[in-house]
mmCIF file of all heavy atoms, coordinates in Angstrom:
data_MODEL
# 
_entry.id   MODEL 
# 
loop_
_atom_site.group_PDB 
_atom_site.id 
_atom_site.type_symbol 
_atom_site.label_atom_id 
_atom_site.label_alt_id 
_atom_site.label_comp_id 
_atom_site.label_asym_id 
_atom_site.label_entity_id 
_atom_site.label_seq_id 
_atom_site.pdbx_PDB_ins_code 
_atom_site.Cartn_x 
_atom_site.Cartn_y 
_atom_site.Cartn_z 
_atom_site.occupancy 
_atom_site.B_iso_or_equiv 
_atom_site.pdbx_formal_charge 
_atom_site.auth_seq_id 
_atom_site.auth_comp_id 
_atom_site.auth_asym_id 
_atom_site.auth_atom_id 
_atom_site.pdbx_PDB_model_num 
ATOM 1   N N   . LEU A 1 1  ? 1.731   49.428 -31.341 1.00 0.00 ? 1  LEU A N   1 
ATOM 2   C CA  . LEU A 1 1  ? 1.049   48.527 -32.263 1.00 0.00 ? 1  LEU A CA  1 
ATOM 3   C C   . LEU A 1 1  ? -0.230  49.202 -32.737 1.00 0.00 ? 1  LEU A C   1 
ATOM 4   O O   . LEU A 1 1  ? -0.947  49.811 -31.945 1.00 0.00 ? 1  LEU A O   1 
ATOM 5   C CB  . LEU A 1 1  ? 0.697   47.201 -31.584 1.00 0.00 ? 1  LEU A CB  1 
ATOM 6   C CG  . LEU A 1 1  ? 1.811   46.464 -30.844 1.00 0.00 ? 1  LEU A CG  1 
ATOM 7   C CD1 . LEU A 1 1  ? 1.320   45.088 -30.417 1.00 0.00 ? 1  LEU A CD1 1 
ATOM 8   C CD2 . LEU A 1 1  ? 3.052   46.347 -31.703 1.00 0.00 ? 1  LEU A CD2 1 
ATOM 9   N N   . MET A 1 2  ? -0.521  49.091 -34.030 1.00 0.00 ? 2  MET A N   1 
ATOM 10  C CA  . MET A 1 2  ? -1.722  49.680 -34.592 1.00 0.00 ? 2  MET A CA  1 
ATOM 11  C C   . MET A 1 2  ? -2.456  48.642 -35.430 1.00 0.00 ? 2  MET A C   1 
ATOM 12  O O   . MET A 1 2  ? -1.859  48.015 -36.317 1.00 0.00 ? 2  MET A O   1 
ATOM 13  C CB  . MET A 1 2  ? -1.378  50.882 -35.478 1.00 0.00 ? 2  MET A CB  1 
ATOM 14  C CG  . MET A 1 2  ? -0.740  52.042 -34.751 1.00 0.00 ? 2  MET A CG  1 
ATOM 15  S SD  . MET A 1 2  ? -0.391  53.391 -35.911 1.00 0.00 ? 2  MET A SD  1 
ATOM 16  C CE  . MET A 1 2  ? 0.249   54.637 -34.763 1.00 0.00 ? 2  MET A CE  1 
ATOM 17  N N   . GLY A 1 3  ? -3.744  48.484 -35.158 1.00 0.00 ? 3  GLY A N   1 
ATOM 18  C CA  . GLY A 1 3  ? -4.560  47.582 -35.953 1.00 0.00 ? 3  GLY A CA  1 
ATOM 19  C C   . GLY A 1 3  ? -5.840  48.275 -36.352 1.00 0.00 ? 3  GLY A C   1 
ATOM 20  O O   . GLY A 1 3  ? -6.443  48.985 -35.544 1.00 0.00 ? 3  GLY A O   1 
ATOM 21  N N   . GLY A 1 4  ? -6.248  48.075 -37.591 1.00 0.00 ? 4  GLY A N   1 
ATOM 22  C CA  . GLY A 1 4  ? -7.475  48.692 -38.067 1.00 0.00 ? 4  GLY A CA  1 
ATOM 23  C C   . GLY A 1 4  ? -8.370  47.683 -38.746 1.00 0.00 ? 4  GLY A C   1 
ATOM 24  O O   . GLY A 1 4  ? -7.921  46.921 -39.612 1.00 0.00 ? 4  GLY A O   1 
ATOM 25  N N   . GLY A 1 5  ? -9.651  47.627 -38.358 1.00 0.00 ? 5  GLY A N   1 
ATOM 26  C CA  . GLY A 1 5  ? -10.594 46.720 -38.996 1.00 0.00 ? 5  GLY A CA  1 
ATOM 27  C C   . GLY A 1 5  ? -10.167 45.274 -38.864 1.00 0.00 ? 5  GLY A C   1 
ATOM 28  O O   . GLY A 1 5  ? -9.775  44.811 -37.794 1.00 0.00 ? 5  GLY A O   1 
ATOM 29  N N   . ILE A 1 6  ? -10.186 44.537 -39.974 1.00 0.00 ? 6  ILE A N   1 
ATOM 30  C CA  . ILE A 1 6  ? -9.807  43.131 -39.939 1.00 0.00 ? 6  ILE A CA  1 
ATOM 31  C C   . ILE A 1 6  ? -8.282  42.985 -39.849 1.00 0.00 ? 6  ILE A C   1 
ATOM 32  O O   . ILE A 1 6  ? -7.759  41.868 -39.770 1.00 0.00 ? 6  ILE A O   1 
ATOM 33  C CB  . ILE A 1 6  ? -10.392 42.377 -41.151 1.00 0.00 ? 6  ILE A CB  1 
ATOM 34  C CG1 . ILE A 1 6  ? -10.545 40.885 -40.838 1.00 0.00 ? 6  ILE A CG1 1 
ATOM 35  C CG2 . ILE A 1 6  ? -9.568  42.629 -42.407 1.00 0.00 ? 6  ILE A CG2 1 
ATOM 36  C CD1 . ILE A 1 6  ? -11.463 40.587 -39.676 1.00 0.00 ? 6  ILE A CD1 1 
ATOM 37  N N   . GLY A 1 7  ? -7.550  44.102 -39.808 1.00 0.00 ? 7  GLY A N   1 
ATOM 38  C CA  . GLY A 1 7  ? -6.121  44.086 -39.510 1.00 0.00 ? 7  GLY A CA  1 
ATOM 39  C C   . GLY A 1 7  ? -5.851  44.035 -38.017 1.00 0.00 ? 7  GLY A C   1 
ATOM 40  O O   . GLY A 1 7  ? -4.692  43.970 -37.590 1.00 0.00 ? 7  GLY A O   1 
ATOM 41  N N   . ILE A 1 8  ? -6.909  44.051 -37.215 1.00 0.00 ? 8  ILE A N   1 
ATOM 42  C CA  . ILE A 1 8  ? -6.749  43.957 -35.753 1.00 0.00 ? 8  ILE A CA  1 
ATOM 43  C C   . ILE A 1 8  ? -6.341  42.559 -35.304 1.00 0.00 ? 8  ILE A C   1 
ATOM 44  O O   . ILE A 1 8  ? -5.394  42.415 -34.499 1.00 0.00 ? 8  ILE A O   1 
ATOM 45  C CB  . ILE A 1 8  ? -8.045  44.414 -35.041 1.00 0.00 ? 8  ILE A CB  1 
ATOM 46  C CG1 . ILE A 1 8  ? -8.225  45.922 -35.198 1.00 0.00 ? 8  ILE A CG1 1 
ATOM 47  C CG2 . ILE A 1 8  ? -8.029  44.016 -33.561 1.00 0.00 ? 8  ILE A CG2 1 
ATOM 48  C CD1 . ILE A 1 8  ? -9.570  46.436 -34.709 1.00 0.00 ? 8  ILE A CD1 1 
ATOM 49  N N   . PRO A 1 9  ? -6.983  41.484 -35.752 1.00 0.00 ? 9  PRO A N   1 
ATOM 50  C CA  . PRO A 1 9  ? -6.669  40.141 -35.239 1.00 0.00 ? 9  PRO A CA  1 
ATOM 51  C C   . PRO A 1 9  ? -5.198  39.736 -35.277 1.00 0.00 ? 9  PRO A C   1 
ATOM 52  O O   . PRO A 1 9  ? -4.682  39.226 -34.264 1.00 0.00 ? 9  PRO A O   1 
ATOM 53  C CB  . PRO A 1 9  ? -7.535  39.217 -36.106 1.00 0.00 ? 9  PRO A CB  1 
ATOM 54  C CG  . PRO A 1 9  ? -8.723  40.065 -36.442 1.00 0.00 ? 9  PRO A CG  1 
ATOM 55  C CD  . PRO A 1 9  ? -8.151  41.441 -36.658 1.00 0.00 ? 9  PRO A CD  1 
ATOM 56  N N   . PRO A 1 10 ? -4.449  39.949 -36.384 1.00 0.00 ? 10 PRO A N   1 
ATOM 57  C CA  . PRO A 1 10 ? -3.053  39.496 -36.371 1.00 0.00 ? 10 PRO A CA  1 
ATOM 58  C C   . PRO A 1 10 ? -2.171  40.236 -35.376 1.00 0.00 ? 10 PRO A C   1 
ATOM 59  O O   . PRO A 1 10 ? -1.080  39.767 -35.040 1.00 0.00 ? 10 PRO A O   1 
ATOM 60  C CB  . PRO A 1 10 ? -2.578  39.738 -37.810 1.00 0.00 ? 10 PRO A CB  1 
ATOM 61  C CG  . PRO A 1 10 ? -3.546  40.707 -38.394 1.00 0.00 ? 10 PRO A CG  1 
ATOM 62  C CD  . PRO A 1 10 ? -4.845  40.440 -37.715 1.00 0.00 ? 10 PRO A CD  1 
ATOM 63  N N   . MET A 1 11 ? -2.640  41.381 -34.865 1.00 0.00 ? 11 MET A N   1 
ATOM 64  C CA  . MET A 1 11 ? -1.849  42.118 -33.886 1.00 0.00 ? 11 MET A CA  1 
ATOM 65  C C   . MET A 1 11 ? -1.906  41.485 -32.499 1.00 0.00 ? 11 MET A C   1 
ATOM 66  O O   . MET A 1 11 ? -1.088  41.796 -31.636 1.00 0.00 ? 11 MET A O   1 
ATOM 67  C CB  . MET A 1 11 ? -2.316  43.572 -33.818 1.00 0.00 ? 11 MET A CB  1 
ATOM 68  C CG  . MET A 1 11 ? -2.322  44.307 -35.156 1.00 0.00 ? 11 MET A CG  1 
ATOM 69  S SD  . MET A 1 11 ? -0.761  44.180 -36.061 1.00 0.00 ? 11 MET A SD  1 
ATOM 70  C CE  . MET A 1 11 ? 0.295   45.223 -35.068 1.00 0.00 ? 11 MET A CE  1 
ATOM 71  N N   . LEU A 1 12 ? -2.869  40.589 -32.271 1.00 0.00 ? 12 LEU A N   1 
ATOM 72  C CA  . LEU A 1 12 ? -2.986  39.978 -30.948 1.00 0.00 ? 12 LEU A CA  1 
ATOM 73  C C   . LEU A 1 12 ? -1.807  39.061 -30.656 1.00 0.00 ? 12 LEU A C   1 
ATOM 74  O O   . LEU A 1 12 ? -1.223  39.116 -29.567 1.00 0.00 ? 12 LEU A O   1 
ATOM 75  C CB  . LEU A 1 12 ? -4.304  39.208 -30.833 1.00 0.00 ? 12 LEU A CB  1 
ATOM 76  C CG  . LEU A 1 12 ? -4.582  38.593 -29.454 1.00 0.00 ? 12 LEU A CG  1 
ATOM 77  C CD1 . LEU A 1 12 ? -4.612  39.662 -28.370 1.00 0.00 ? 12 LEU A CD1 1 
ATOM 78  C CD2 . LEU A 1 12 ? -5.908  37.824 -29.469 1.00 0.00 ? 12 LEU A CD2 1 
ATOM 79  N N   . GLN A 1 13 ? -1.431  38.216 -31.599 1.00 0.00 ? 13 GLN A N   1 
ATOM 80  C CA  . GLN A 1 13 ? -0.269  37.356 -31.398 1.00 0.00 ? 13 GLN A CA  1 
ATOM 81  C C   . GLN A 1 13 ? 0.994   38.189 -31.231 1.00 0.00 ? 13 GLN A C   1 
ATOM 82  O O   . GLN A 1 13 ? 1.862   37.866 -30.408 1.00 0.00 ? 13 GLN A O   1 
ATOM 83  C CB  . GLN A 1 13 ? -0.106  36.384 -32.568 1.00 0.00 ? 13 GLN A CB  1 
ATOM 84  C CG  . GLN A 1 13 ? 1.084   35.444 -32.464 1.00 0.00 ? 13 GLN A CG  1 
ATOM 85  C CD  . GLN A 1 13 ? 0.984   34.458 -31.307 1.00 0.00 ? 13 GLN A CD  1 
ATOM 86  O OE1 . GLN A 1 13 ? -0.110  34.137 -30.844 1.00 0.00 ? 13 GLN A OE1 1 
ATOM 87  N NE2 . GLN A 1 13 ? 2.115   33.971 -30.831 1.00 0.00 ? 13 GLN A NE2 1 
ATOM 88  N N   . LEU A 1 14 ? 1.098   39.282 -31.968 1.00 0.00 ? 14 LEU A N   1 
ATOM 89  C CA  . LEU A 1 14 ? 2.252   40.166 -31.830 1.00 0.00 ? 14 LEU A CA  1 
ATOM 90  C C   . LEU A 1 14 ? 2.284   40.788 -30.443 1.00 0.00 ? 14 LEU A C   1 
ATOM 91  O O   . LEU A 1 14 ? 3.342   40.852 -29.800 1.00 0.00 ? 14 LEU A O   1 
ATOM 92  C CB  . LEU A 1 14 ? 2.207   41.260 -32.903 1.00 0.00 ? 14 LEU A CB  1 
ATOM 93  C CG  . LEU A 1 14 ? 3.314   42.305 -32.856 1.00 0.00 ? 14 LEU A CG  1 
ATOM 94  C CD1 . LEU A 1 14 ? 4.688   41.661 -32.980 1.00 0.00 ? 14 LEU A CD1 1 
ATOM 95  C CD2 . LEU A 1 14 ? 3.116   43.340 -33.967 1.00 0.00 ? 14 LEU A CD2 1 
ATOM 96  N N   . ALA A 1 15 ? 1.132   41.253 -29.954 1.00 0.00 ? 15 ALA A N   1 
ATOM 97  C CA  . ALA A 1 15 ? 1.070   41.834 -28.616 1.00 0.00 ? 15 ALA A CA  1 
ATOM 98  C C   . ALA A 1 15 ? 1.495   40.813 -27.561 1.00 0.00 ? 15 ALA A C   1 
ATOM 99  O O   . ALA A 1 15 ? 2.226   41.139 -26.611 1.00 0.00 ? 15 ALA A O   1 
ATOM 100 C CB  . ALA A 1 15 ? -0.345  42.340 -28.331 1.00 0.00 ? 15 ALA A CB  1 
ATOM 101 N N   . LYS A 1 16 ? 1.067   39.566 -27.727 1.00 0.00 ? 16 LYS A N   1 
ATOM 102 C CA  . LYS A 1 16 ? 1.440   38.508 -26.788 1.00 0.00 ? 16 LYS A CA  1 
ATOM 103 C C   . LYS A 1 16 ? 2.941   38.251 -26.806 1.00 0.00 ? 16 LYS A C   1 
ATOM 104 O O   . LYS A 1 16 ? 3.576   38.124 -25.749 1.00 0.00 ? 16 LYS A O   1 
ATOM 105 C CB  . LYS A 1 16 ? 0.703   37.214 -27.138 1.00 0.00 ? 16 LYS A CB  1 
ATOM 106 C CG  . LYS A 1 16 ? -0.768  37.197 -26.793 1.00 0.00 ? 16 LYS A CG  1 
ATOM 107 C CD  . LYS A 1 16 ? -1.420  35.903 -27.216 1.00 0.00 ? 16 LYS A CD  1 
ATOM 108 C CE  . LYS A 1 16 ? -0.839  34.709 -26.512 1.00 0.00 ? 16 LYS A CE  1 
ATOM 109 N NZ  . LYS A 1 16 ? -1.569  33.447 -26.875 1.00 0.00 ? 16 LYS A NZ  1 
ATOM 110 N N   . GLU A 1 17 ? 3.516   38.166 -28.002 1.00 0.00 ? 17 GLU A N   1 
ATOM 111 C CA  . GLU A 1 17 ? 4.936   37.862 -28.108 1.00 0.00 ? 17 GLU A CA  1 
ATOM 112 C C   . GLU A 1 17 ? 5.801   39.002 -27.573 1.00 0.00 ? 17 GLU A C   1 
ATOM 113 O O   . GLU A 1 17 ? 6.822   38.764 -26.915 1.00 0.00 ? 17 GLU A O   1 
ATOM 114 C CB  . GLU A 1 17 ? 5.289   37.535 -29.562 1.00 0.00 ? 17 GLU A CB  1 
ATOM 115 C CG  . GLU A 1 17 ? 4.674   36.226 -30.052 1.00 0.00 ? 17 GLU A CG  1 
ATOM 116 C CD  . GLU A 1 17 ? 5.126   35.842 -31.443 1.00 0.00 ? 17 GLU A CD  1 
ATOM 117 O OE1 . GLU A 1 17 ? 6.155   36.365 -31.908 1.00 0.00 ? 17 GLU A OE1 1 
ATOM 118 O OE2 . GLU A 1 17 ? 4.449   34.997 -32.072 1.00 0.00 ? 17 GLU A OE2 1 
ATOM 119 N N   . LEU A 1 18 ? 5.404   40.226 -27.839 1.00 0.00 ? 18 LEU A N   1 
ATOM 120 C CA  . LEU A 1 18 ? 6.161   41.368 -27.310 1.00 0.00 ? 18 LEU A CA  1 
ATOM 121 C C   . LEU A 1 18 ? 6.048   41.434 -25.793 1.00 0.00 ? 18 LEU A C   1 
ATOM 122 O O   . LEU A 1 18 ? 7.033   41.690 -25.099 1.00 0.00 ? 18 LEU A O   1 
ATOM 123 C CB  . LEU A 1 18 ? 5.653   42.669 -27.938 1.00 0.00 ? 18 LEU A CB  1 
ATOM 124 C CG  . LEU A 1 18 ? 6.066   42.902 -29.396 1.00 0.00 ? 18 LEU A CG  1 
ATOM 125 C CD1 . LEU A 1 18 ? 5.287   44.065 -29.990 1.00 0.00 ? 18 LEU A CD1 1 
ATOM 126 C CD2 . LEU A 1 18 ? 7.571   43.160 -29.507 1.00 0.00 ? 18 LEU A CD2 1 
ATOM 127 N N   . SER A 1 19 ? 4.858   41.189 -25.268 1.00 0.00 ? 19 SER A N   1 
ATOM 128 C CA  . SER A 1 19 ? 4.680   41.176 -23.822 1.00 0.00 ? 19 SER A CA  1 
ATOM 129 C C   . SER A 1 19 ? 5.530   40.087 -23.187 1.00 0.00 ? 19 SER A C   1 
ATOM 130 O O   . SER A 1 19 ? 6.170   40.292 -22.150 1.00 0.00 ? 19 SER A O   1 
ATOM 131 C CB  . SER A 1 19 ? 3.201   40.964 -23.481 1.00 0.00 ? 19 SER A CB  1 
ATOM 132 O OG  . SER A 1 19 ? 3.008   40.882 -22.089 1.00 0.00 ? 19 SER A OG  1 
ATOM 133 N N   . GLY A 1 20 ? 5.576   38.923 -23.826 1.00 0.00 ? 20 GLY A N   1 
ATOM 134 C CA  . GLY A 1 20 ? 6.393   37.824 -23.317 1.00 0.00 ? 20 GLY A CA  1 
ATOM 135 C C   . GLY A 1 20 ? 7.873   38.136 -23.334 1.00 0.00 ? 20 GLY A C   1 
ATOM 136 O O   . GLY A 1 20 ? 8.647   37.573 -22.545 1.00 0.00 ? 20 GLY A O   1 
ATOM 137 N N   . ALA A 1 21 ? 8.283   39.046 -24.231 1.00 0.00 ? 21 ALA A N   1 
ATOM 138 C CA  . ALA A 1 21 ? 9.688   39.454 -24.320 1.00 0.00 ? 21 ALA A CA  1 
ATOM 139 C C   . ALA A 1 21 ? 9.984   40.647 -23.415 1.00 0.00 ? 21 ALA A C   1 
ATOM 140 O O   . ALA A 1 21 ? 11.093  41.182 -23.441 1.00 0.00 ? 21 ALA A O   1 
ATOM 141 C CB  . ALA A 1 21 ? 10.046  39.802 -25.759 1.00 0.00 ? 21 ALA A CB  1 
ATOM 142 N N   . GLY A 1 22 ? 8.985   41.063 -22.622 1.00 0.00 ? 22 GLY A N   1 
ATOM 143 C CA  . GLY A 1 22 ? 9.187   42.164 -21.688 1.00 0.00 ? 22 GLY A CA  1 
ATOM 144 C C   . GLY A 1 22 ? 9.056   43.546 -22.290 1.00 0.00 ? 22 GLY A C   1 
ATOM 145 O O   . GLY A 1 22 ? 9.474   44.535 -21.682 1.00 0.00 ? 22 GLY A O   1 
ATOM 146 N N   . VAL A 1 23 ? 8.470   43.639 -23.483 1.00 0.00 ? 23 VAL A N   1 
ATOM 147 C CA  . VAL A 1 23 ? 8.308   44.935 -24.154 1.00 0.00 ? 23 VAL A CA  1 
ATOM 148 C C   . VAL A 1 23 ? 6.976   45.560 -23.743 1.00 0.00 ? 23 VAL A C   1 
ATOM 149 O O   . VAL A 1 23 ? 5.921   44.943 -23.906 1.00 0.00 ? 23 VAL A O   1 
ATOM 150 C CB  . VAL A 1 23 ? 8.345   44.776 -25.690 1.00 0.00 ? 23 VAL A CB  1 
ATOM 151 C CG1 . VAL A 1 23 ? 8.191   46.135 -26.365 1.00 0.00 ? 23 VAL A CG1 1 
ATOM 152 C CG2 . VAL A 1 23 ? 9.642   44.102 -26.118 1.00 0.00 ? 23 VAL A CG2 1 
ATOM 153 N N   . GLU A 1 24 ? 7.031   46.769 -23.217 1.00 0.00 ? 24 GLU A N   1 
ATOM 154 C CA  . GLU A 1 24 ? 5.805   47.502 -22.880 1.00 0.00 ? 24 GLU A CA  1 
ATOM 155 C C   . GLU A 1 24 ? 5.347   48.251 -24.118 1.00 0.00 ? 24 GLU A C   1 
ATOM 156 O O   . GLU A 1 24 ? 6.120   49.000 -24.717 1.00 0.00 ? 24 GLU A O   1 
ATOM 157 C CB  . GLU A 1 24 ? 6.049   48.468 -21.722 1.00 0.00 ? 24 GLU A CB  1 
ATOM 158 C CG  . GLU A 1 24 ? 6.368   47.779 -20.403 1.00 0.00 ? 24 GLU A CG  1 
ATOM 159 C CD  . GLU A 1 24 ? 6.453   48.762 -19.247 1.00 0.00 ? 24 GLU A CD  1 
ATOM 160 O OE1 . GLU A 1 24 ? 6.157   49.952 -19.464 1.00 0.00 ? 24 GLU A OE1 1 
ATOM 161 O OE2 . GLU A 1 24 ? 6.818   48.329 -18.141 1.00 0.00 ? 24 GLU A OE2 1 
ATOM 162 N N   . THR A 1 25 ? 4.094   48.063 -24.478 1.00 0.00 ? 25 THR A N   1 
ATOM 163 C CA  . THR A 1 25 ? 3.606   48.650 -25.714 1.00 0.00 ? 25 THR A CA  1 
ATOM 164 C C   . THR A 1 25 ? 2.355   49.492 -25.495 1.00 0.00 ? 25 THR A C   1 
ATOM 165 O O   . THR A 1 25 ? 1.584   49.269 -24.562 1.00 0.00 ? 25 THR A O   1 
ATOM 166 C CB  . THR A 1 25 ? 3.253   47.552 -26.744 1.00 0.00 ? 25 THR A CB  1 
ATOM 167 O OG1 . THR A 1 25 ? 2.233   46.713 -26.199 1.00 0.00 ? 25 THR A OG1 1 
ATOM 168 C CG2 . THR A 1 25 ? 4.461   46.720 -27.098 1.00 0.00 ? 25 THR A CG2 1 
ATOM 169 N N   . ASP A 1 26 ? 2.183   50.457 -26.385 1.00 0.00 ? 26 ASP A N   1 
ATOM 170 C CA  . ASP A 1 26 ? 0.891   51.114 -26.545 1.00 0.00 ? 26 ASP A CA  1 
ATOM 171 C C   . ASP A 1 26 ? 0.218   50.424 -27.721 1.00 0.00 ? 26 ASP A C   1 
ATOM 172 O O   . ASP A 1 26 ? 0.838   50.223 -28.777 1.00 0.00 ? 26 ASP A O   1 
ATOM 173 C CB  . ASP A 1 26 ? 1.064   52.608 -26.837 1.00 0.00 ? 26 ASP A CB  1 
ATOM 174 C CG  . ASP A 1 26 ? 1.374   53.411 -25.584 1.00 0.00 ? 26 ASP A CG  1 
ATOM 175 O OD1 . ASP A 1 26 ? 0.432   53.689 -24.825 1.00 0.00 ? 26 ASP A OD1 1 
ATOM 176 O OD2 . ASP A 1 26 ? 2.559   53.737 -25.361 1.00 0.00 ? 26 ASP A OD2 1 
# 
């Protein structure tokens, strides 16, 4: 997952959903 500037906030929900699905992410 990559977030830059004000593009960082929407990546938080994505990180949560992927983690909940058992996906390990950088």
